[in-house]
Amino acid sequence: MKQLEFQEFYLSSRDVCLRAVLAGVGDRQLAEDLVAEAFTRAWTSWHRVSRHPAPSAWIVRTALNTRVSWWRRRRREVALEGDHEVADTSAGDAGLDPALLAVLRRLPQRQREVIAFRIFLDLDTRTTAEILGIAPGTVTAHLSRAVTALRDHLVTADNPEAGS
């Protein structure tokens, strides 16, 4: 029963969680790794995660927290010298427009997180605030700033005359 319940949750939420994490980190390969890690952790704690008010939000928050942990570990690693090819980590088939993803990458981290929870996971302000550990007013302010930045950049990029 537990396995079937988790499998249904995974199949119904993996794509939206991937898009939300991708919006937060801006790198498809990293987002896929983070979401896989988060779903693995969810499986091992499914008895607790299944009772969470928003299990998809738990996945995204865990993925974003994992990114911070990985970043701290990698920060101590030595960079390779010389030129190395970097794989294309664009949105690809994740369902995000590459232009939107490029603009999302320019937003501050907290604004990307708010966009991920409020827009991609469609959570309300209160729930987003609880998950991120910030005040609801702060969520609203970050969302407003992010939407303004996205609108300014995308309107100007798509139709330069509309931004004037």
Protein backbone atom coordinates (compact mmCIF):
# COMPACT_ATOMS: atom_id res chain seq x y z
CA MET A 1 0.00 0.00 0.00
CA LYS A 2 2.78 2.41 0.97
CA GLN A 3 4.65 1.72 -2.27
CA LEU A 4 1.55 2.25 -4.44
CA GLU A 5 0.70 5.50 -2.65
CA PHE A 6 4.23 6.81 -3.11
CA GLN A 7 4.30 5.72 -6.75
CA GLU A 8 1.07 7.62 -7.46
CA PHE A 9 2.46 10.71 -5.72
CA TYR A 10 5.70 10.47 -7.68
CA LEU A 11 3.99 10.09 -11.06
CA SER A 12 1.56 12.93 -10.41
CA SER A 13 4.06 15.43 -9.01
CA ARG A 14 7.51 14.76 -10.50
CA ASP A 15 7.11 17.10 -13.50
CA VAL A 16 5.77 20.06 -11.53
CA CYS A 17 8.47 19.55 -8.88
CA LEU A 18 11.16 19.43 -11.57
CA ARG A 19 9.88 22.67 -13.14
CA ALA A 20 9.75 24.37 -9.74
CA VAL A 21 13.29 23.29 -8.84
CA LEU A 22 14.52 24.21 -12.32
CA ALA A 23 13.06 27.68 -11.83
CA GLY A 24 14.91 27.86 -8.52
CA VAL A 25 18.32 26.67 -9.70
CA GLY A 26 18.35 27.42 -13.44
CA ASP A 27 20.28 24.29 -14.40
CA ARG A 28 18.38 21.28 -15.76
CA GLN A 29 20.90 18.59 -14.87
CA LEU A 30 21.28 19.94 -11.34
CA ALA A 31 17.49 20.23 -10.97
CA GLU A 32 17.04 16.60 -12.06
CA ASP A 33 19.68 15.43 -9.57
CA LEU A 34 18.15 17.47 -6.76
CA VAL A 35 14.61 16.26 -7.45
CA ALA A 36 15.79 12.64 -7.61
CA GLU A 37 17.54 13.07 -4.27
CA ALA A 38 14.46 14.71 -2.74
CA PHE A 39 12.16 11.91 -3.94
CA THR A 40 14.60 9.36 -2.54
CA ARG A 41 14.47 11.10 0.82
CA ALA A 42 10.68 11.29 0.59
CA TRP A 43 10.48 7.53 0.00
CA THR A 44 12.62 6.78 3.05
CA SER A 45 10.41 9.06 5.18
CA TRP A 46 7.12 8.51 3.37
CA HIS A 47 5.19 7.92 6.61
CA ARG A 48 6.03 11.52 7.61
CA VAL A 49 6.04 13.15 4.15
CA SER A 50 2.65 11.70 3.21
CA ARG A 51 1.10 13.57 6.17
CA HIS A 52 2.72 16.88 5.16
CA PRO A 53 0.11 19.48 4.13
CA ALA A 54 1.86 19.91 0.74
CA PRO A 55 4.10 16.92 -0.11
CA SER A 56 5.16 18.49 -3.43
CA ALA A 57 6.36 21.54 -1.54
CA TRP A 58 8.30 19.23 0.78
CA ILE A 59 10.03 17.77 -2.29
CA VAL A 60 10.93 21.19 -3.70
CA ARG A 61 12.11 22.56 -0.34
CA THR A 62 14.22 19.43 0.23
CA ALA A 63 15.70 19.73 -3.26
CA LEU A 64 16.59 23.41 -2.74
CA ASN A 65 18.07 22.67 0.69
CA THR A 66 20.10 19.84 -0.81
CA ARG A 67 21.49 22.28 -3.35
CA VAL A 68 22.81 24.46 -0.55
CA SER A 69 24.43 21.44 1.13
CA TRP A 70 26.02 20.35 -2.15
CA TRP A 71 27.21 23.88 -2.85
CA ARG A 72 28.89 24.09 0.57
CA ARG A 73 30.66 20.79 -0.05
CA ARG A 74 31.77 21.73 -3.58
CA ARG A 75 32.95 25.14 -2.45
CA ARG A 76 35.88 23.37 -0.83
CA GLU A 77 36.76 21.38 -3.95
CA VAL A 78 39.63 22.42 -6.20
CA ALA A 79 38.64 23.73 -9.63
CA LEU A 80 40.13 22.02 -12.67
CA GLU A 81 42.56 24.01 -14.76
CA GLY A 82 42.18 24.53 -18.49
CA ASP A 83 39.21 24.68 -20.78
CA HIS A 84 36.52 22.12 -20.23
CA GLU A 85 33.34 21.68 -22.20
CA VAL A 86 30.16 22.32 -20.27
CA ALA A 87 27.03 20.38 -21.11
CA ASP A 88 23.98 22.32 -22.23
CA THR A 89 21.81 22.60 -19.14
CA SER A 90 18.98 24.58 -20.68
CA ALA A 91 15.38 23.81 -19.94
CA GLY A 92 15.13 21.33 -22.80
CA ASP A 93 11.97 19.31 -22.42
CA ALA A 94 11.22 20.41 -18.85
CA GLY A 95 8.38 22.59 -20.09
CA LEU A 96 10.08 25.93 -19.39
CA ASP A 97 10.70 28.48 -22.10
CA PRO A 98 14.50 29.01 -22.38
CA ALA A 99 13.98 32.81 -22.38
CA LEU A 100 11.96 32.59 -19.16
CA LEU A 101 14.58 30.33 -17.60
CA ALA A 102 17.33 32.80 -18.51
CA VAL A 103 15.44 35.64 -16.82
CA LEU A 104 14.68 33.49 -13.77
CA ARG A 105 18.41 32.83 -13.37
CA ARG A 106 18.96 36.58 -12.96
CA LEU A 107 16.57 36.88 -10.03
CA PRO A 108 17.88 36.71 -6.46
CA GLN A 109 17.66 33.23 -4.89
CA ARG A 110 14.78 34.06 -2.52
CA GLN A 111 12.69 35.50 -5.37
CA ARG A 112 13.29 32.32 -7.41
CA GLU A 113 12.19 30.23 -4.44
CA VAL A 114 9.01 32.27 -3.99
CA ILE A 115 8.26 31.91 -7.73
CA ALA A 116 8.84 28.16 -7.47
CA PHE A 117 6.36 27.72 -4.61
CA ARG A 118 3.74 30.36 -5.47
CA ILE A 119 3.68 29.97 -9.26
CA PHE A 120 4.95 26.50 -10.14
CA LEU A 121 3.45 24.66 -7.15
CA ASP A 122 0.46 27.05 -6.87
CA LEU A 123 0.72 27.31 -3.08
CA ASP A 124 -0.89 30.17 -1.19
CA THR A 125 1.12 32.92 0.47
CA ARG A 126 0.74 31.53 4.00
CA THR A 127 1.91 28.04 3.06
CA THR A 128 4.83 29.43 1.05
CA ALA A 129 5.83 31.59 4.02
CA GLU A 130 5.75 28.60 6.39
CA ILE A 131 7.83 26.44 4.04
CA LEU A 132 10.45 29.15 3.46
CA GLY A 133 10.45 30.28 7.09
CA ILE A 134 9.62 33.90 6.26
CA ALA A 135 6.68 36.23 6.92
CA PRO A 136 3.72 36.23 4.50
CA GLY A 137 4.37 39.91 3.75
CA THR A 138 7.91 39.02 2.73
CA VAL A 139 6.56 36.37 0.35
CA THR A 140 4.26 38.98 -1.19
CA ALA A 141 7.09 41.49 -1.52
CA HIS A 142 9.45 38.97 -3.14
CA LEU A 143 6.73 37.79 -5.52
CA SER A 144 5.89 41.36 -6.51
CA ARG A 145 9.55 42.21 -7.16
CA ALA A 146 10.10 39.00 -9.12
CA VAL A 147 7.01 39.47 -11.29
CA THR A 148 7.97 43.09 -11.97
CA ALA A 149 11.50 42.06 -12.98
CA LEU A 150 10.20 39.25 -15.17
CA ARG A 151 7.61 41.49 -16.79
CA ASP A 152 10.11 44.30 -17.39
CA HIS A 153 12.65 42.01 -18.96
CA LEU A 154 10.31 39.79 -20.96
CA VAL A 155 8.15 42.65 -22.27
CA THR A 156 11.26 44.54 -23.33
CA ALA A 157 12.79 41.42 -24.89
CA ASP A 158 9.64 40.38 -26.77
CA ASN A 159 8.43 43.84 -27.77
CA PRO A 160 10.85 46.69 -27.14
CA GLU A 161 8.14 49.27 -27.87
CA ALA A 162 5.83 47.86 -25.17
CA GLY A 163 8.35 48.57 -22.42
CA SER A 164 8.46 52.28 -23.28
